[in-house]
Every structure is written in C-alpha cells, then in structure tokens.
Amino acid sequence: MTFSDALNKVLNDQLLILALPLFIGILLVEIWIDRKKNLELYHNKDMWTSLSMALASILVDIIPKTLAFLALFYVHEANWLGLRDVVGRQWWAWAILFFADDITYYWFHRMNHEVRLFWAGHVQHHSSQYLNYGTALRQGIGERLHKYFFWIWLPVLGFDPVMIFIMTSVNLIYQYWTHTELVRKLPAPIEYIFNTASHHRVHHASQPRYLDRNHAGIFIIWDRIFGTFSEEKDFDPPEYGLTKNIDSYNPAYVITHEYAAIWRDVKRADKFTDKLKYIFYAPGWSHDGPDLRAKIVRQSVKDP
C-alpha cells in the first residue's frame, strides 16, 4: 500500500462515518426520554456548546492527524525490529492490537489528567456539568496536538498505521455509550472487566473521591491494575463538571480558558522551576497556595 493510498483511507475514516448516524440516533433517543420523563439531563446552551466542540475537534484534527500518520507510516516502513512482515494483518495481530491500542489509550487519557499542559487540551470534555450523549461529542481540542504520538510505539512492533487508526476508531465508538445516566450498573463480571456507564460517570465526577479515576477506554482492568479505579458510590452520586466550574458557554472561552490560566500562573511564578511545574505538574499544584492536585485532595476522603 502506498503512502497516499493509506493516508486517504485514514482521512476518510469509514468507521466513524458509519457510526455518526448511530451517535445521532442514540442522542435523539436520550433527549426524547429526558423530555418525556423530565429528567433534566440536558441544558440547551450546554448542548450547543458540546456540538460546537465536536465541530471544532473535527476541523482541528485534520493537520495533527495527517502529521501523525506520516510519522507512524515511516516508523512502520523503517521496520527497525523486522516485525512488519511477520505481523501483517493476521487475525492474531488484530487481536493483539485491540489490547495494545486500549492500554495506549489508558496512558494517553491518564496523562491528559496528570500533566497540566495536556489537561488544558482535554478539559473541554469535562467542562459540562451534565453527562449525556451530547457531552460525549464535546471532545478535547488541544489534545489533538499531542494525542497520536502516544501510539508511536505500535508501528515499531509491526502494526501498520491504517490498522492503528481503525482500532482507535473502534475504541472511540465504544466509549460513546458510556456517557449516560440512563444505563445503571451492568452484571458484575461486565463491570469488573469493561468500562461502563457507571465507571465513566465516576470519571466525569468532581468530588474528591472520584478525581482522576477510571481513565479506561474499553477495559477497566487497566485502572484496576494501575491503581486508578474507583467505584460509583450510591451514597455519593457523581456531580459532573470541574472542581471549579467555568461560567461560560462561549466555545472560544471553553477551548482556551485553561491555557490562559497556565499562562497567568507561569507569569506570577518567580523561579524558573516553578514556571515549569505549572506547565508539567498535575492541575492544582501551586507554589504559593494549597496543593490541590487530585492525588492530594483524595487523601481527605475518609471512605474512598
């Protein structure tokens, strides 16, 4: 497959195109149920902000996705470990990639919460105080700039870039259904292995016990293994949004507010090392105030 052929396949991602009517259909059904039962799962201005984020993410994604594909393609062609022709597109290669992609997503997502510069590009997804299928479309904008390079290790192992991008689409499509309050807990074996709506409600919650928990894409087992799992507690139902919510539905402000906050903090820090910490430490760190990083705040929870 030539570079141009492969790139054309990725830029015209048929999986996401085919999934779009499904996304819209599920969204409309949830809105209908919400209106019929008066559940107040949606807010009109918030919904329009989410749709604006969806459009912005599609537009912003074009150049980073193209550049990332170029890097993935040439790493694959370099064939440093001699695995390219061994892996090919065997059935077992797809099976291995399914798990390799998911653990890659876990670490990408986790770093988006634990590195403030990355958080600035991801925070848009968490800025809504509602959890619904509209929120699922509210994708992070700035994270597009660094996202794909977390996957650079996969072509080294022989997986071609088209396979990788197909699998990232599969992962993204799976995650869509987890953004809802209408689906409660599933049977225990499913809840133990897979990311579910219950687990993802935790991820979007702003209470101390839930901060920076459940970063999974498809398999919640990564959170269990790496110590970032938290169960949804009936006595502490998730409250969605940020620890300090923004008072704006303006898409431009939603996209840029955390970058502006980082810049203000960097300017007021005197020491160069502190300036770097405001960029690369987790959100909530301060050189002259209380340490409000999630790992510190969670220590205040008596019954985690």
C-alpha atoms as a PDB file:
ATOM      1  CA  MET A   1       0.000   0.000   0.000  1.00  0.00           C
ATOM      2  CA  THR A   2       1.410   3.413  -0.978  1.00  0.00           C
ATOM      3  CA  PHE A   3       1.553   6.318   1.442  1.00  0.00           C
ATOM      4  CA  SER A   4      -1.121   8.274  -0.447  1.00  0.00           C
ATOM      5  CA  ASP A   5      -3.493   5.302  -0.509  1.00  0.00           C
ATOM      6  CA  ALA A   6      -3.035   4.651   3.189  1.00  0.00           C
ATOM      7  CA  LEU A   7      -3.451   8.318   4.120  1.00  0.00           C
ATOM      8  CA  ASN A   8      -6.622   8.575   2.057  1.00  0.00           C
ATOM      9  CA  LYS A   9      -8.107   5.613   3.941  1.00  0.00           C
ATOM     10  CA  VAL A  10      -7.366   7.187   7.295  1.00  0.00           C
ATOM     11  CA  LEU A  11      -8.635  10.672   6.425  1.00  0.00           C
ATOM     12  CA  ASN A  12     -11.842   9.124   5.109  1.00  0.00           C
ATOM     13  CA  ASP A  13     -12.456   7.048   8.223  1.00  0.00           C
ATOM     14  CA  GLN A  14     -15.420   4.903   7.237  1.00  0.00           C
ATOM     15  CA  LEU A  15     -15.978   3.531  10.746  1.00  0.00           C
ATOM     16  CA  LEU A  16     -16.639   6.935  12.256  1.00  0.00           C
ATOM     17  CA  ILE A  17     -18.696   7.986   9.231  1.00  0.00           C
ATOM     18  CA  LEU A  18     -20.842   4.872   9.610  1.00  0.00           C
ATOM     19  CA  ALA A  19     -21.100   5.408  13.368  1.00  0.00           C
ATOM     20  CA  LEU A  20     -22.284   9.010  13.043  1.00  0.00           C
ATOM     21  CA  PRO A  21     -25.952   8.134  12.321  1.00  0.00           C
ATOM     22  CA  LEU A  22     -25.837   5.751  15.296  1.00  0.00           C
ATOM     23  CA  PHE A  23     -24.424   8.506  17.514  1.00  0.00           C
ATOM     24  CA  ILE A  24     -27.127  10.927  16.420  1.00  0.00           C
ATOM     25  CA  GLY A  25     -29.873   8.314  16.795  1.00  0.00           C
ATOM     26  CA  ILE A  26     -28.842   7.419  20.349  1.00  0.00           C
ATOM     27  CA  LEU A  27     -28.552  11.108  21.192  1.00  0.00           C
ATOM     28  CA  LEU A  28     -32.088  11.822  19.949  1.00  0.00           C
ATOM     29  CA  VAL A  29     -33.500   8.848  21.859  1.00  0.00           C
ATOM     30  CA  GLU A  30     -31.863  10.064  25.064  1.00  0.00           C
ATOM     31  CA  ILE A  31     -33.226  13.585  24.507  1.00  0.00           C
ATOM     32  CA  TRP A  32     -36.711  12.134  23.919  1.00  0.00           C
ATOM     33  CA  ILE A  33     -36.543  10.090  27.138  1.00  0.00           C
ATOM     34  CA  ASP A  34     -35.201  13.102  29.000  1.00  0.00           C
ATOM     35  CA  ARG A  35     -38.082  15.322  27.835  1.00  0.00           C
ATOM     36  CA  LYS A  36     -40.718  12.654  28.380  1.00  0.00           C
ATOM     37  CA  LYS A  37     -39.624  11.888  31.945  1.00  0.00           C
ATOM     38  CA  ASN A  38     -38.449  15.421  32.789  1.00  0.00           C
ATOM     39  CA  LEU A  39     -35.061  14.157  33.935  1.00  0.00           C
ATOM     40  CA  GLU A  40     -33.213  17.398  33.185  1.00  0.00           C
ATOM     41  CA  LEU A  41     -30.250  15.585  31.660  1.00  0.00           C
ATOM     42  CA  TYR A  42     -29.770  18.318  29.067  1.00  0.00           C
ATOM     43  CA  HIS A  43     -29.357  22.083  29.060  1.00  0.00           C
ATOM     44  CA  ASN A  44     -29.861  23.830  25.724  1.00  0.00           C
ATOM     45  CA  LYS A  45     -26.867  26.192  25.853  1.00  0.00           C
ATOM     46  CA  ASP A  46     -24.650  23.433  27.187  1.00  0.00           C
ATOM     47  CA  MET A  47     -25.759  21.140  24.362  1.00  0.00           C
ATOM     48  CA  TRP A  48     -24.932  23.717  21.699  1.00  0.00           C
ATOM     49  CA  THR A  49     -21.510  24.209  23.259  1.00  0.00           C
ATOM     50  CA  SER A  50     -20.932  20.458  23.061  1.00  0.00           C
ATOM     51  CA  LEU A  51     -21.897  20.408  19.383  1.00  0.00           C
ATOM     52  CA  SER A  52     -19.555  23.347  18.738  1.00  0.00           C
ATOM     53  CA  MET A  53     -16.734  21.396  20.398  1.00  0.00           C
ATOM     54  CA  ALA A  54     -17.499  18.409  18.181  1.00  0.00           C
ATOM     55  CA  LEU A  55     -17.220  20.516  15.033  1.00  0.00           C
ATOM     56  CA  ALA A  56     -14.073  22.261  16.260  1.00  0.00           C
ATOM     57  CA  SER A  57     -12.391  18.945  17.078  1.00  0.00           C
ATOM     58  CA  ILE A  58     -13.075  17.638  13.569  1.00  0.00           C
ATOM     59  CA  LEU A  59     -11.571  20.729  11.952  1.00  0.00           C
ATOM     60  CA  VAL A  60      -8.572  20.994  14.273  1.00  0.00           C
ATOM     61  CA  ASP A  61      -7.855  17.269  13.966  1.00  0.00           C
ATOM     62  CA  ILE A  62      -7.052  17.308  10.246  1.00  0.00           C
ATOM     63  CA  ILE A  63      -3.476  18.590  10.360  1.00  0.00           C
ATOM     64  CA  PRO A  64      -2.284  16.748  13.523  1.00  0.00           C
ATOM     65  CA  LYS A  65      -3.846  13.519  12.273  1.00  0.00           C
ATOM     66  CA  THR A  66      -2.086  13.884   8.921  1.00  0.00           C
ATOM     67  CA  LEU A  67       1.286  14.628  10.522  1.00  0.00           C
ATOM     68  CA  ALA A  68       0.895  11.784  13.000  1.00  0.00           C
ATOM     69  CA  PHE A  69       0.001   9.398  10.194  1.00  0.00           C
ATOM     70  CA  LEU A  70       3.131  10.476   8.344  1.00  0.00           C
ATOM     71  CA  ALA A  71       5.257   9.660  11.417  1.00  0.00           C
ATOM     72  CA  LEU A  72       3.513   6.319  12.000  1.00  0.00           C
ATOM     73  CA  PHE A  73       3.868   5.375   8.346  1.00  0.00           C
ATOM     74  CA  TYR A  74       7.612   5.996   8.193  1.00  0.00           C
ATOM     75  CA  VAL A  75       8.286   4.257  11.514  1.00  0.00           C
ATOM     76  CA  HIS A  76       6.374   1.249  10.174  1.00  0.00           C
ATOM     77  CA  GLU A  77       8.288   1.331   6.891  1.00  0.00           C
ATOM     78  CA  ALA A  78      11.613   1.615   8.742  1.00  0.00           C
ATOM     79  CA  ASN A  79      10.877  -1.859  10.171  1.00  0.00           C
ATOM     80  CA  TRP A  80      13.505  -1.470  12.889  1.00  0.00           C
ATOM     81  CA  LEU A  81      12.665  -4.761  14.621  1.00  0.00           C
ATOM     82  CA  GLY A  82      11.923  -6.692  11.442  1.00  0.00           C
ATOM     83  CA  LEU A  83       8.355  -7.397  12.567  1.00  0.00           C
ATOM     84  CA  ARG A  84       6.431  -5.655   9.787  1.00  0.00           C
ATOM     85  CA  ASP A  85       6.076  -8.686   7.532  1.00  0.00           C
ATOM     86  CA  VAL A  86       5.542 -11.045  10.467  1.00  0.00           C
ATOM     87  CA  VAL A  87       2.637  -9.046  11.842  1.00  0.00           C
ATOM     88  CA  GLY A  88       0.999  -8.105   8.560  1.00  0.00           C
ATOM     89  CA  ARG A  89      -2.747  -8.189   9.062  1.00  0.00           C
ATOM     90  CA  GLN A  90      -3.054 -11.643  10.595  1.00  0.00           C
ATOM     91  CA  TRP A  91      -6.139 -12.272  12.723  1.00  0.00           C
ATOM     92  CA  TRP A  92      -3.972 -12.599  15.814  1.00  0.00           C
ATOM     93  CA  ALA A  93      -2.320  -9.255  15.014  1.00  0.00           C
ATOM     94  CA  TRP A  94      -5.716  -7.549  15.143  1.00  0.00           C
ATOM     95  CA  ALA A  95      -6.421  -9.264  18.483  1.00  0.00           C
ATOM     96  CA  ILE A  96      -3.118  -8.098  19.984  1.00  0.00           C
ATOM     97  CA  LEU A  97      -3.616  -4.603  18.609  1.00  0.00           C
ATOM     98  CA  PHE A  98      -7.064  -4.433  20.206  1.00  0.00           C
ATOM     99  CA  PHE A  99      -5.464  -4.671  23.644  1.00  0.00           C
ATOM    100  CA  ALA A 100      -2.324  -2.690  22.750  1.00  0.00           C
ATOM    101  CA  ASP A 101      -4.437   0.203  21.493  1.00  0.00           C
ATOM    102  CA  ASP A 102      -6.584   0.168  24.620  1.00  0.00           C
ATOM    103  CA  ILE A 103      -3.684   0.299  27.061  1.00  0.00           C
ATOM    104  CA  THR A 104      -2.179   3.086  24.959  1.00  0.00           C
ATOM    105  CA  TYR A 105      -5.443   4.991  25.241  1.00  0.00           C
ATOM    106  CA  TYR A 106      -5.417   4.473  29.021  1.00  0.00           C
ATOM    107  CA  TRP A 107      -1.999   6.109  29.400  1.00  0.00           C
ATOM    108  CA  PHE A 108      -2.805   8.891  26.930  1.00  0.00           C
ATOM    109  CA  HIS A 109      -6.009   9.656  28.821  1.00  0.00           C
ATOM    110  CA  ARG A 110      -4.348   9.408  32.211  1.00  0.00           C
ATOM    111  CA  MET A 111      -1.573  11.802  31.173  1.00  0.00           C
ATOM    112  CA  ASN A 112      -4.238  14.247  29.994  1.00  0.00           C
ATOM    113  CA  HIS A 113      -5.297  14.442  33.637  1.00  0.00           C
ATOM    114  CA  GLU A 114      -1.853  14.355  35.261  1.00  0.00           C
ATOM    115  CA  VAL A 115       0.063  16.847  33.076  1.00  0.00           C
ATOM    116  CA  ARG A 116      -1.458  20.323  33.177  1.00  0.00           C
ATOM    117  CA  LEU A 117      -0.458  21.278  29.614  1.00  0.00           C
ATOM    118  CA  PHE A 118      -2.221  18.166  28.349  1.00  0.00           C
ATOM    119  CA  TRP A 119      -5.156  18.839  30.684  1.00  0.00           C
ATOM    120  CA  ALA A 120      -5.596  22.248  29.054  1.00  0.00           C
ATOM    121  CA  GLY A 121      -6.308  20.430  25.801  1.00  0.00           C
ATOM    122  CA  HIS A 122      -8.637  17.889  27.413  1.00  0.00           C
ATOM    123  CA  VAL A 123     -10.533  19.970  29.964  1.00  0.00           C
ATOM    124  CA  GLN A 124     -13.220  20.932  27.419  1.00  0.00           C
ATOM    125  CA  HIS A 125     -14.565  17.377  27.599  1.00  0.00           C
ATOM    126  CA  HIS A 126     -15.036  17.727  31.365  1.00  0.00           C
ATOM    127  CA  SER A 127     -16.345  21.287  31.381  1.00  0.00           C
ATOM    128  CA  SER A 128     -20.002  20.293  31.071  1.00  0.00           C
ATOM    129  CA  GLN A 129     -21.973  19.899  34.294  1.00  0.00           C
ATOM    130  CA  TYR A 130     -24.127  17.296  32.554  1.00  0.00           C
ATOM    131  CA  LEU A 131     -23.338  13.786  31.421  1.00  0.00           C
ATOM    132  CA  ASN A 132     -25.194  12.784  28.295  1.00  0.00           C
ATOM    133  CA  TYR A 133     -24.537  11.766  24.703  1.00  0.00           C
ATOM    134  CA  GLY A 134     -24.055  15.411  23.835  1.00  0.00           C
ATOM    135  CA  THR A 135     -21.188  15.550  26.324  1.00  0.00           C
ATOM    136  CA  ALA A 136     -19.654  12.555  24.543  1.00  0.00           C
ATOM    137  CA  LEU A 137     -19.342  14.734  21.451  1.00  0.00           C
ATOM    138  CA  ARG A 138     -17.623  17.523  23.435  1.00  0.00           C
ATOM    139  CA  GLN A 139     -14.131  16.385  22.529  1.00  0.00           C
ATOM    140  CA  GLY A 140     -10.906  17.954  23.759  1.00  0.00           C
ATOM    141  CA  ILE A 141      -9.437  20.327  21.181  1.00  0.00           C
ATOM    142  CA  GLY A 142      -5.838  20.969  22.220  1.00  0.00           C
ATOM    143  CA  GLU A 143      -5.256  17.266  22.925  1.00  0.00           C
ATOM    144  CA  ARG A 144      -5.313  16.746  19.156  1.00  0.00           C
ATOM    145  CA  LEU A 145      -1.837  18.267  19.027  1.00  0.00           C
ATOM    146  CA  HIS A 146      -0.198  15.511  21.083  1.00  0.00           C
ATOM    147  CA  LYS A 147      -2.662  12.629  21.036  1.00  0.00           C
ATOM    148  CA  TYR A 148      -1.440  10.411  18.233  1.00  0.00           C
ATOM    149  CA  PHE A 149       2.188  10.287  19.244  1.00  0.00           C
ATOM    150  CA  PHE A 150       1.296   8.106  22.234  1.00  0.00           C
ATOM    151  CA  TRP A 151       0.692   5.425  19.592  1.00  0.00           C
ATOM    152  CA  ILE A 152       4.178   5.722  18.002  1.00  0.00           C
ATOM    153  CA  TRP A 153       5.380   2.506  19.673  1.00  0.00           C
ATOM    154  CA  LEU A 154       2.845   0.376  17.798  1.00  0.00           C
ATOM    155  CA  PRO A 155       4.352   0.672  14.281  1.00  0.00           C
ATOM    156  CA  VAL A 156       7.722  -0.209  15.834  1.00  0.00           C
ATOM    157  CA  LEU A 157       6.128  -3.574  16.675  1.00  0.00           C
ATOM    158  CA  GLY A 158       4.986  -4.015  13.077  1.00  0.00           C
ATOM    159  CA  PHE A 159       1.403  -2.713  13.157  1.00  0.00           C
ATOM    160  CA  ASP A 160       0.661  -0.574  10.130  1.00  0.00           C
ATOM    161  CA  PRO A 161      -0.866   2.897  10.577  1.00  0.00           C
ATOM    162  CA  VAL A 162      -4.172   2.060   8.895  1.00  0.00           C
ATOM    163  CA  MET A 163      -4.693  -0.795  11.381  1.00  0.00           C
ATOM    164  CA  ILE A 164      -3.831   1.556  14.239  1.00  0.00           C
ATOM    165  CA  PHE A 165      -6.259   4.258  13.154  1.00  0.00           C
ATOM    166  CA  ILE A 166      -9.026   1.716  12.606  1.00  0.00           C
ATOM    167  CA  MET A 167      -8.526   0.448  16.153  1.00  0.00           C
ATOM    168  CA  THR A 168      -8.531   3.956  17.643  1.00  0.00           C
ATOM    169  CA  SER A 169     -11.890   4.477  15.909  1.00  0.00           C
ATOM    170  CA  VAL A 170     -13.244   1.238  17.383  1.00  0.00           C
ATOM    171  CA  ASN A 171     -12.167   2.412  20.839  1.00  0.00           C
ATOM    172  CA  LEU A 172     -13.762   5.830  20.387  1.00  0.00           C
ATOM    173  CA  ILE A 173     -17.030   4.327  19.154  1.00  0.00           C
ATOM    174  CA  TYR A 174     -17.195   2.026  22.186  1.00  0.00           C
ATOM    175  CA  GLN A 175     -16.712   4.913  24.601  1.00  0.00           C
ATOM    176  CA  TYR A 176     -19.682   6.849  23.257  1.00  0.00           C
ATOM    177  CA  TRP A 177     -22.290   4.720  25.028  1.00  0.00           C
ATOM    178  CA  THR A 178     -20.649   5.199  28.439  1.00  0.00           C
ATOM    179  CA  HIS A 179     -21.660   8.879  28.571  1.00  0.00           C
ATOM    180  CA  THR A 180     -25.110   8.482  30.080  1.00  0.00           C
ATOM    181  CA  GLU A 181     -27.079   8.378  33.308  1.00  0.00           C
ATOM    182  CA  LEU A 182     -29.805   6.198  31.816  1.00  0.00           C
ATOM    183  CA  VAL A 183     -27.746   2.992  31.977  1.00  0.00           C
ATOM    184  CA  ARG A 184     -27.146   1.973  35.558  1.00  0.00           C
ATOM    185  CA  LYS A 185     -24.877  -0.888  36.651  1.00  0.00           C
ATOM    186  CA  LEU A 186     -24.473  -3.978  34.457  1.00  0.00           C
ATOM    187  CA  PRO A 187     -23.851  -7.562  35.677  1.00  0.00           C
ATOM    188  CA  ALA A 188     -20.790  -7.800  37.937  1.00  0.00           C
ATOM    189  CA  PRO A 189     -18.484  -9.669  35.500  1.00  0.00           C
ATOM    190  CA  ILE A 190     -19.027  -6.942  32.867  1.00  0.00           C
ATOM    191  CA  GLU A 191     -18.487  -4.177  35.411  1.00  0.00           C
ATOM    192  CA  TYR A 192     -15.262  -5.854  36.548  1.00  0.00           C
ATOM    193  CA  ILE A 193     -13.695  -6.157  33.081  1.00  0.00           C
ATOM    194  CA  PHE A 194     -15.170  -3.424  30.883  1.00  0.00           C
ATOM    195  CA  ASN A 195     -15.532   0.317  31.070  1.00  0.00           C
ATOM    196  CA  THR A 196     -19.224   1.017  31.647  1.00  0.00           C
ATOM    197  CA  ALA A 197     -21.525   3.989  32.103  1.00  0.00           C
ATOM    198  CA  SER A 198     -21.177   3.601  35.874  1.00  0.00           C
ATOM    199  CA  HIS A 199     -17.374   3.704  35.696  1.00  0.00           C
ATOM    200  CA  HIS A 200     -17.392   6.660  33.328  1.00  0.00           C
ATOM    201  CA  ARG A 201     -19.797   8.649  35.479  1.00  0.00           C
ATOM    202  CA  VAL A 202     -17.075   8.422  38.123  1.00  0.00           C
ATOM    203  CA  HIS A 203     -14.540   9.743  35.637  1.00  0.00           C
ATOM    204  CA  HIS A 204     -16.659  12.841  34.953  1.00  0.00           C
ATOM    205  CA  ALA A 205     -17.437  13.497  38.607  1.00  0.00           C
ATOM    206  CA  SER A 206     -15.883  16.373  40.555  1.00  0.00           C
ATOM    207  CA  GLN A 207     -15.971  15.037  44.130  1.00  0.00           C
ATOM    208  CA  PRO A 208     -12.577  14.334  45.751  1.00  0.00           C
ATOM    209  CA  ARG A 209     -13.037  10.536  45.838  1.00  0.00           C
ATOM    210  CA  TYR A 210     -13.622  10.459  42.083  1.00  0.00           C
ATOM    211  CA  LEU A 211     -10.927  12.839  40.836  1.00  0.00           C
ATOM    212  CA  ASP A 212      -8.638  11.384  38.129  1.00  0.00           C
ATOM    213  CA  ARG A 213     -10.173   7.925  38.365  1.00  0.00           C
ATOM    214  CA  ASN A 214     -11.298   5.458  35.666  1.00  0.00           C
ATOM    215  CA  HIS A 215      -9.318   6.521  32.604  1.00  0.00           C
ATOM    216  CA  ALA A 216     -10.250   3.371  30.681  1.00  0.00           C
ATOM    217  CA  GLY A 217     -11.279   3.224  27.062  1.00  0.00           C
ATOM    218  CA  ILE A 218     -12.738  -0.270  26.713  1.00  0.00           C
ATOM    219  CA  PHE A 219     -11.196  -2.325  29.554  1.00  0.00           C
ATOM    220  CA  ILE A 220     -11.483  -1.026  33.120  1.00  0.00           C
ATOM    221  CA  ILE A 221      -8.898  -3.634  34.121  1.00  0.00           C
ATOM    222  CA  TRP A 222      -6.109  -1.133  33.352  1.00  0.00           C
ATOM    223  CA  ASP A 223      -7.429   1.151  36.093  1.00  0.00           C
ATOM    224  CA  ARG A 224      -7.634  -1.784  38.471  1.00  0.00           C
ATOM    225  CA  ILE A 225      -4.066  -2.831  37.641  1.00  0.00           C
ATOM    226  CA  PHE A 226      -2.502   0.639  37.806  1.00  0.00           C
ATOM    227  CA  GLY A 227      -4.375   1.872  40.889  1.00  0.00           C
ATOM    228  CA  THR A 228      -6.678   4.471  39.334  1.00  0.00           C
ATOM    229  CA  PHE A 229     -10.002   2.670  39.788  1.00  0.00           C
ATOM    230  CA  SER A 230     -12.900   3.995  41.831  1.00  0.00           C
ATOM    231  CA  GLU A 231     -16.374   2.550  42.137  1.00  0.00           C
ATOM    232  CA  GLU A 232     -19.509   4.659  41.830  1.00  0.00           C
ATOM    233  CA  LYS A 233     -20.958   5.042  45.326  1.00  0.00           C
ATOM    234  CA  ASP A 234     -24.712   5.203  45.852  1.00  0.00           C
ATOM    235  CA  PHE A 235     -24.231   7.451  48.899  1.00  0.00           C
ATOM    236  CA  ASP A 236     -22.143   9.910  46.849  1.00  0.00           C
ATOM    237  CA  PRO A 237     -23.714  10.239  43.382  1.00  0.00           C
ATOM    238  CA  PRO A 238     -21.423  11.916  40.839  1.00  0.00           C
ATOM    239  CA  GLU A 239     -21.600  15.669  40.428  1.00  0.00           C
ATOM    240  CA  TYR A 240     -20.336  16.487  36.961  1.00  0.00           C
ATOM    241  CA  GLY A 241     -18.012  19.209  35.806  1.00  0.00           C
ATOM    242  CA  LEU A 242     -14.808  20.706  37.155  1.00  0.00           C
ATOM    243  CA  THR A 243     -13.736  21.319  40.744  1.00  0.00           C
ATOM    244  CA  LYS A 244     -14.145  24.988  39.826  1.00  0.00           C
ATOM    245  CA  ASN A 245     -16.690  25.249  37.038  1.00  0.00           C
ATOM    246  CA  ILE A 246     -16.418  27.870  34.323  1.00  0.00           C
ATOM    247  CA  ASP A 247     -19.282  30.311  33.958  1.00  0.00           C
ATOM    248  CA  SER A 248     -19.453  30.445  30.171  1.00  0.00           C
ATOM    249  CA  TYR A 249     -20.927  28.626  27.188  1.00  0.00           C
ATOM    250  CA  ASN A 250     -18.727  30.540  24.753  1.00  0.00           C
ATOM    251  CA  PRO A 251     -16.862  27.859  22.742  1.00  0.00           C
ATOM    252  CA  ALA A 252     -13.767  30.055  22.354  1.00  0.00           C
ATOM    253  CA  TYR A 253     -13.549  30.544  26.122  1.00  0.00           C
ATOM    254  CA  VAL A 254     -14.201  26.848  26.829  1.00  0.00           C
ATOM    255  CA  ILE A 255     -11.348  25.928  24.480  1.00  0.00           C
ATOM    256  CA  THR A 256      -8.795  28.451  25.755  1.00  0.00           C
ATOM    257  CA  HIS A 257      -9.542  29.153  29.421  1.00  0.00           C
ATOM    258  CA  GLU A 258      -7.079  26.659  30.904  1.00  0.00           C
ATOM    259  CA  TYR A 259      -4.251  27.738  28.586  1.00  0.00           C
ATOM    260  CA  ALA A 260      -4.860  31.294  29.792  1.00  0.00           C
ATOM    261  CA  ALA A 261      -4.814  30.124  33.420  1.00  0.00           C
ATOM    262  CA  ILE A 262      -1.487  28.344  32.883  1.00  0.00           C
ATOM    263  CA  TRP A 263      -0.022  31.492  31.342  1.00  0.00           C
ATOM    264  CA  ARG A 264      -1.146  33.611  34.304  1.00  0.00           C
ATOM    265  CA  ASP A 265       0.401  31.150  36.758  1.00  0.00           C
ATOM    266  CA  VAL A 266       3.647  30.948  34.814  1.00  0.00           C
ATOM    267  CA  LYS A 267       3.951  34.752  34.780  1.00  0.00           C
ATOM    268  CA  ARG A 268       3.430  35.124  38.531  1.00  0.00           C
ATOM    269  CA  ALA A 269       5.997  32.456  39.476  1.00  0.00           C
ATOM    270  CA  ASP A 270       9.483  33.844  40.110  1.00  0.00           C
ATOM    271  CA  LYS A 271      11.529  30.644  39.956  1.00  0.00           C
ATOM    272  CA  PHE A 272      12.052  29.015  36.571  1.00  0.00           C
ATOM    273  CA  THR A 273      11.485  25.565  38.081  1.00  0.00           C
ATOM    274  CA  ASP A 274       8.106  26.720  39.403  1.00  0.00           C
ATOM    275  CA  LYS A 275       7.178  28.016  35.965  1.00  0.00           C
ATOM    276  CA  LEU A 276       7.893  24.568  34.545  1.00  0.00           C
ATOM    277  CA  LYS A 277       5.880  22.906  37.294  1.00  0.00           C
ATOM    278  CA  TYR A 278       2.818  24.973  36.370  1.00  0.00           C
ATOM    279  CA  ILE A 279       3.120  23.538  32.870  1.00  0.00           C
ATOM    280  CA  PHE A 280       4.069  19.931  33.542  1.00  0.00           C
ATOM    281  CA  TYR A 281       2.809  19.109  37.043  1.00  0.00           C
ATOM    282  CA  ALA A 282      -0.756  17.958  37.569  1.00  0.00           C
ATOM    283  CA  PRO A 283      -3.544  20.561  37.683  1.00  0.00           C
ATOM    284  CA  GLY A 284      -3.948  22.084  41.139  1.00  0.00           C
ATOM    285  CA  TRP A 285      -0.262  22.473  42.021  1.00  0.00           C
ATOM    286  CA  SER A 286       0.710  25.890  43.338  1.00  0.00           C
ATOM    287  CA  HIS A 287       3.996  27.405  44.506  1.00  0.00           C
ATOM    288  CA  ASP A 288       2.297  29.804  46.927  1.00  0.00           C
ATOM    289  CA  GLY A 289      -1.008  28.216  47.844  1.00  0.00           C
ATOM    290  CA  PRO A 290      -2.567  24.903  48.890  1.00  0.00           C
ATOM    291  CA  ASP A 291      -1.691  21.847  46.827  1.00  0.00           C
ATOM    292  CA  LEU A 292      -4.977  20.938  45.145  1.00  0.00           C
ATOM    293  CA  ARG A 293      -3.714  18.152  42.913  1.00  0.00           C
ATOM    294  CA  ALA A 294      -6.141  15.228  42.731  1.00  0.00           C
ATOM    295  CA  LYS A 295      -3.790  12.808  44.484  1.00  0.00           C
ATOM    296  CA  ILE A 296      -3.536  15.229  47.421  1.00  0.00           C
ATOM    297  CA  VAL A 297      -7.232  16.109  47.581  1.00  0.00           C
ATOM    298  CA  ARG A 298      -8.244  12.416  47.526  1.00  0.00           C
ATOM    299  CA  GLN A 299      -6.346  11.910  50.781  1.00  0.00           C
ATOM    300  CA  SER A 300      -9.089  13.863  52.543  1.00  0.00           C
ATOM    301  CA  VAL A 301     -11.650  11.174  51.727  1.00  0.00           C
ATOM    302  CA  LYS A 302     -12.240   9.022  54.781  1.00  0.00           C
ATOM    303  CA  ASP A 303     -14.185   6.330  52.919  1.00  0.00           C
ATOM    304  CA  PRO A 304     -12.685   6.004  49.434  1.00  0.00           C
END
